[in-house]
Each structure stands twice: as C-alpha cells, then as structure tokens.
Protein backbone atom coordinates (compact mmCIF):
# COMPACT_ATOMS: atom_id res chain seq x y z
CA PRO A 1 -0.02 -0.04 -0.04
CA VAL A 2 2.60 2.61 0.91
CA SER A 3 4.15 2.53 -2.62
CA THR A 4 0.75 3.06 -4.30
CA TYR A 5 -0.07 6.03 -1.82
CA ALA A 6 3.45 7.45 -2.30
CA MET A 7 2.69 7.67 -6.10
CA VAL A 8 -0.61 9.30 -5.46
CA ALA A 9 1.24 11.85 -3.16
CA ARG A 10 3.89 12.52 -5.74
CA ARG A 11 1.17 13.07 -8.38
CA HIS A 12 -0.55 15.53 -6.09
CA MET A 13 2.72 17.29 -5.67
CA LEU A 14 3.27 17.60 -9.34
CA ASP A 15 -0.11 18.57 -10.25
CA PHE A 16 -0.74 21.16 -7.38
CA GLY A 17 2.49 22.00 -5.75
CA THR A 18 1.76 20.01 -2.54
CA THR A 19 4.81 19.98 -0.24
CA ARG A 20 6.08 17.68 2.43
CA GLU A 21 5.51 20.39 5.09
CA GLN A 22 1.89 20.35 4.17
CA LEU A 23 1.71 16.79 4.63
CA GLY A 24 3.70 17.12 7.86
CA ALA A 25 0.99 19.44 9.19
CA ILE A 26 -1.49 16.54 9.22
CA ALA A 27 0.95 14.18 10.92
CA LEU A 28 1.74 16.87 13.60
CA THR A 29 -1.97 17.58 14.07
CA CYS A 30 -2.65 13.91 14.78
CA ARG A 31 0.29 13.59 17.05
CA GLU A 32 -0.93 16.56 19.05
CA ARG A 33 -4.25 15.07 19.56
CA ALA A 34 -2.69 11.65 20.60
CA ASN A 35 -0.46 13.59 23.11
CA ALA A 36 -3.64 14.58 25.00
CA ASN A 37 -5.08 11.07 24.78
CA PRO A 38 -3.90 8.59 27.53
CA ALA A 39 -5.00 5.59 25.51
CA ALA A 40 -3.06 6.56 22.37
CA GLN A 41 -0.03 4.53 21.22
CA MET A 42 1.93 7.79 20.80
CA GLN A 43 0.53 9.54 23.79
CA ASP A 44 4.04 10.31 25.33
CA ARG A 45 5.82 10.82 22.11
CA LYS A 46 6.10 14.53 20.83
CA LEU A 47 6.59 15.20 17.20
CA ASP A 48 7.66 18.55 15.55
CA MET A 49 8.22 19.45 11.92
CA GLU A 50 12.08 19.08 12.18
CA ALA A 51 11.72 15.51 13.15
CA TYR A 52 8.98 14.82 10.76
CA LEU A 53 11.15 16.06 7.80
CA ALA A 54 14.28 14.25 9.09
CA ALA A 55 12.57 10.77 9.42
CA ARG A 56 13.78 7.98 7.31
CA PRO A 57 11.88 7.72 3.95
CA ILE A 58 9.57 4.65 3.63
CA SER A 59 8.56 5.21 -0.13
CA THR A 60 9.40 8.61 -1.28
CA PRO A 61 7.82 11.19 -0.70
CA LEU A 62 6.29 9.57 2.18
CA GLY A 63 8.43 9.06 5.30
CA LEU A 64 8.06 7.29 8.68
CA PHE A 65 5.57 9.66 10.06
CA ASP A 66 3.31 9.84 6.97
CA CYS A 67 2.43 6.16 7.66
CA CYS A 68 -0.08 4.58 9.98
CA LEU A 69 0.94 2.67 13.04
CA VAL A 70 1.16 -1.14 13.57
CA THR A 71 -1.13 -1.83 16.45
CA ASP A 72 -2.59 -4.64 18.47
CA GLY A 73 -6.02 -3.34 19.99
CA ALA A 74 -9.71 -3.43 19.74
CA CYS A 75 -12.72 -1.33 20.07
CA ALA A 76 -16.51 -1.60 19.45
CA VAL A 77 -19.85 0.15 18.91
CA VAL A 78 -23.21 -0.75 19.67
CA VAL A 79 -26.04 0.11 17.36
CA THR A 80 -29.66 0.01 18.22
CA SER A 81 -33.01 1.67 17.54
CA ALA A 82 -33.26 5.37 18.52
CA GLU A 83 -36.28 4.31 20.84
CA ARG A 84 -34.02 1.96 22.72
CA ALA A 85 -30.99 4.37 22.78
CA ARG A 86 -33.19 6.92 24.55
CA ASP A 87 -33.55 4.46 27.60
CA LEU A 88 -29.76 3.97 28.06
CA ARG A 89 -27.50 5.82 30.42
CA ALA A 90 -25.07 7.09 27.78
CA GLU A 91 -26.07 9.95 25.62
CA PRO A 92 -27.44 8.77 22.34
CA VAL A 93 -25.73 9.56 19.01
CA SER A 94 -27.66 9.12 15.69
CA ILE A 95 -26.37 7.74 12.52
CA ARG A 96 -27.74 10.52 10.30
CA ALA A 97 -26.56 9.15 6.94
CA VAL A 98 -24.27 6.54 5.35
CA ALA A 99 -23.00 6.15 1.85
CA LEU A 100 -20.66 3.50 0.14
CA GLY A 101 -19.49 3.27 -3.33
CA SER A 102 -16.61 3.09 -5.81
CA GLY A 103 -17.50 5.89 -8.35
CA PRO A 104 -17.37 5.43 -12.08
CA ASN A 105 -15.34 2.94 -14.17
CA VAL A 106 -14.97 0.37 -11.37
CA GLN A 107 -11.59 -1.54 -11.56
CA GLY A 108 -10.46 -4.73 -10.03
CA GLY A 109 -7.69 -4.94 -7.62
CA ALA A 110 -7.04 -3.59 -4.02
CA PHE A 111 -4.65 -0.68 -4.66
CA THR A 112 -2.60 -0.50 -7.75
CA SER A 113 -5.41 -0.30 -10.17
CA THR A 114 -6.02 3.06 -8.94
CA LEU A 115 -2.94 4.19 -10.60
CA THR A 116 -4.25 3.20 -14.14
CA ARG A 117 -7.23 5.88 -13.95
CA PRO A 118 -7.04 8.98 -16.12
CA SER A 119 -6.65 10.93 -12.87
CA PHE A 120 -5.84 9.26 -9.34
CA THR A 121 -5.98 12.54 -7.32
CA THR A 122 -9.61 12.19 -7.12
CA TRP A 123 -10.97 9.24 -5.33
CA PRO A 124 -14.36 7.44 -4.82
CA CYS A 125 -14.86 9.74 -1.96
CA LYS A 126 -15.82 12.53 -4.56
CA TRP A 127 -18.73 10.41 -5.67
CA ILE A 128 -20.12 9.18 -2.46
CA ALA A 129 -19.76 12.61 -0.77
CA ASP A 130 -22.56 13.78 -3.02
CA ASP A 131 -24.76 10.96 -1.79
CA LEU A 132 -23.79 11.46 1.73
CA TRP A 133 -24.47 14.92 2.02
CA ARG A 134 -27.80 14.56 0.16
CA ARG A 135 -29.08 11.81 2.46
CA ALA A 136 -27.93 13.73 5.58
CA GLY A 137 -29.49 17.07 4.55
CA LEU A 138 -26.23 18.60 5.47
CA GLY A 139 -23.01 19.73 3.85
CA PRO A 140 -19.26 20.27 4.72
CA ALA A 141 -20.04 23.72 6.38
CA ASP A 142 -22.29 21.85 8.90
CA VAL A 143 -19.56 19.48 10.11
CA ASP A 144 -18.06 20.39 13.49
CA VAL A 145 -15.54 17.74 13.78
CA ALA A 146 -14.14 15.03 11.38
CA GLN A 147 -12.59 11.61 11.85
CA ILE A 148 -10.88 11.07 8.45
CA TYR A 149 -9.39 7.63 7.77
CA ASP A 150 -5.55 8.41 7.80
CA CYS A 151 -3.69 5.31 6.69
CA PHE A 152 -1.12 7.84 5.33
CA THR A 153 -1.17 11.61 5.56
CA ILE A 154 -1.91 11.94 1.75
CA THR A 155 -5.20 10.18 2.34
CA VAL A 156 -6.37 12.81 4.90
CA LEU A 157 -5.40 15.66 2.41
CA MET A 158 -7.32 14.18 -0.55
CA GLN A 159 -10.50 13.45 1.56
CA LEU A 160 -10.40 17.15 2.61
CA GLU A 161 -10.71 18.05 -1.07
CA ASP A 162 -13.17 15.24 -2.11
CA TYR A 163 -15.59 15.78 0.74
CA GLY A 164 -15.80 19.47 -0.08
CA PHE A 165 -13.90 21.22 2.73
CA CYS A 166 -11.63 22.82 0.34
CA ALA A 167 -11.32 22.87 -3.44
CA LYS A 168 -9.13 20.43 -5.51
CA GLY A 169 -5.58 21.00 -5.17
CA GLU A 170 -6.09 23.23 -2.03
CA GLY A 171 -5.78 20.53 0.51
CA GLY A 172 -2.13 21.15 1.33
CA PRO A 173 -2.53 24.79 2.11
CA PHE A 174 -5.90 24.05 3.97
CA ALA A 175 -4.21 21.59 6.41
CA ALA A 176 -1.10 23.79 6.76
CA SER A 177 -3.38 26.86 7.63
CA GLY A 178 -4.24 25.34 11.01
CA ALA A 179 -7.85 24.60 9.65
CA ILE A 180 -7.69 20.94 10.83
CA GLY A 181 -6.45 21.77 14.28
CA LEU A 182 -8.58 21.76 17.43
CA THR A 183 -9.62 25.39 17.15
CA GLY A 184 -9.76 25.30 13.20
CA GLU A 185 -12.46 25.12 10.75
CA VAL A 186 -12.89 21.40 10.96
CA PRO A 187 -10.76 19.72 13.60
CA VAL A 188 -9.66 16.35 12.35
CA ASN A 189 -8.81 13.12 14.05
CA THR A 190 -9.12 14.29 17.60
CA ALA A 191 -8.05 11.11 19.34
CA GLY A 192 -4.89 10.95 17.18
CA GLY A 193 -6.16 8.77 14.28
CA ASN A 194 -4.53 5.83 12.68
CA LEU A 195 -1.24 7.97 12.50
CA SER A 196 -0.92 8.43 16.19
CA GLU A 197 -3.59 6.92 18.24
CA GLY A 198 -3.66 3.40 16.88
CA TYR A 199 -4.41 1.53 13.59
CA ILE A 200 -7.64 -0.38 14.20
CA HIS A 201 -8.87 -0.09 10.63
CA GLY A 202 -10.90 3.09 11.23
CA MET A 203 -13.16 1.70 14.02
CA ASN A 204 -11.40 3.93 16.48
CA HIS A 205 -12.56 6.81 14.30
CA VAL A 206 -16.08 5.76 14.72
CA VAL A 207 -15.61 5.50 18.50
CA GLU A 208 -14.03 8.90 18.73
CA GLY A 209 -16.86 10.42 16.60
CA VAL A 210 -19.30 9.12 19.19
CA ARG A 211 -17.29 10.36 22.12
CA GLN A 212 -16.97 13.92 20.48
CA LEU A 213 -20.74 14.09 20.30
CA ARG A 214 -21.09 12.92 23.82
CA GLY A 215 -18.56 15.50 25.18
CA GLU A 216 -16.44 12.52 26.25
CA SER A 217 -13.25 13.16 24.03
CA THR A 218 -9.89 13.73 25.28
CA SER A 219 -9.75 16.76 23.03
CA PRO A 220 -13.33 17.97 22.91
CA VAL A 221 -14.76 20.43 20.31
CA PRO A 222 -17.05 22.53 22.25
CA GLY A 223 -20.59 22.38 21.03
CA ALA A 224 -19.96 19.72 18.37
CA GLU A 225 -23.07 18.35 17.14
CA VAL A 226 -22.14 16.98 13.73
CA CYS A 227 -19.26 14.59 13.00
CA LEU A 228 -18.18 13.06 9.65
CA VAL A 229 -16.40 9.77 9.75
CA THR A 230 -14.66 8.18 6.77
CA SER A 231 -13.22 4.94 5.77
CA GLY A 232 -10.18 3.95 3.69
CA PRO A 233 -10.02 4.68 -0.05
CA PRO A 234 -9.45 3.36 -2.70
CA PRO A 235 -10.88 1.41 -4.70
CA ALA A 236 -14.17 1.81 -2.93
CA THR A 237 -14.93 3.67 0.33
CA SER A 238 -17.60 4.59 2.76
CA ALA A 239 -18.63 7.28 5.19
CA MET A 240 -21.29 8.37 7.62
CA VAL A 241 -22.52 11.47 9.43
CA LEU A 242 -23.12 11.22 13.06
CA THR A 243 -25.22 13.71 14.98
CA LYS A 244 -26.25 14.31 18.70
CA ALA A 245 -29.52 12.75 19.28
CA ALA A 246 -32.32 14.13 21.44
CA ARG A 247 -33.51 12.16 24.51
C-alpha cells in the first residue's frame, strides 16, 4: 500500500504544488491530539516539523511519520434503535446518513489499479460525498469535527478536497493553515487517528466520533453536534454522518 499511496502523493505534488511540510501538518495535528489521549499509542511521544522532515523515507515522498501505526488493539460500537437508545445511560448519538461506493469505471484490484485511472488525485470519496450530504441534508459547512481515515497523510489531504472542505488542489494549504487543528475550521482526528492513536482499521474513528458528540473526547470540540467519519479509499470507500440525538 505505501508504494501506491506514495505515487498518489507524488502526483498531487506535481499537479498542485503540494509540499512535504503540508503533509507534515497533518501528521503533527494527529500527534498533538494523541499527546492529549492517555490511551493513544503515541501519547508520550512528541513530534515537531524538524523531526518529521528528518524521519527516514519509507516510499518517497512518504516518510516514517506519513504512515499509520502497527497496532494490537480493539474497540467496538453498539448500534440499536433510537427508541432503545433513549432508555440507555449513555447519551445517544444518531447515524444521520451513510454512503458507500466506488465511483465510475470500477476496476479490479485492491490498490494498484487506482494508478491506471486517467486521474488518481480524485477518489471514490468525491462521488459518495454527493450521496452522503444529500442523504444527511447537510454539507461540509455543517460539520463540527471530522474523523478522517488516515492510513497515510496523503489520504487525509485528498479527502479534505473530495468531501468538499476545500477545492481540489488546495488540501495542502488548507491543512497547513491550521484549519484541521482543534480550534480550526474542521478539527480532524481528535484522538490521534491511525497515524498516532492506533491503527484499528478506522473503528477507532467511529468511537471517537461518538465520544466527541457525547462530550467525552480527550480533545473535545465545544458544542460539536455533527461529525463526519470516513473509511479508507481506494478502490471503494464509505462514510457516515453522526449527529447528537435528542433524548
């Protein structure tokens, strides 16, 4: 996988001028949130831009801190009816909408087939986003916090574009501007994500989305009522919108 995503990152750099420092802003944001999370794998390991840039290359242009962790761990969610949830002790959180798909021109293969598309800097996220926002009756501007699947830093950058938080090609400057930080426009991966909390195939993103809306996160976003949670692209992907539910 890392070699495929490295080629995607290089293509994005060539097409849009994306820099390693902009990818580094994503890695540092996730690490900062993990440093505040006692359960995170990287809770006690600080990271700055100098260390990020000096890290050994894994598959150029991606280095060590562009890649998700190797983790032994587990988490779970309980899904039930809204009526049943209102009777439980924990604050209920609603699944407002879900979407899954692969976009047009479906290809076989898990990763490398992505590189044979006319453009591989737009992913299936772009197409399922349209369905997701329509089903939710919401849009990117309504999202208070996002848990974006981050197997690699480039994955976050491209999803910021494909889900509509910024225009295509502007994911790097958007991330580097502080927009994905805890007090930014759309705080991202507030428990540390796959990059710094732990790699549990995105289920920890679902758990953190619920915790945010319950006010139980270790890095709470004040007043958060809408959370986007995404899964890993490509070749197909999925996402959902979580919202606070009334008792």
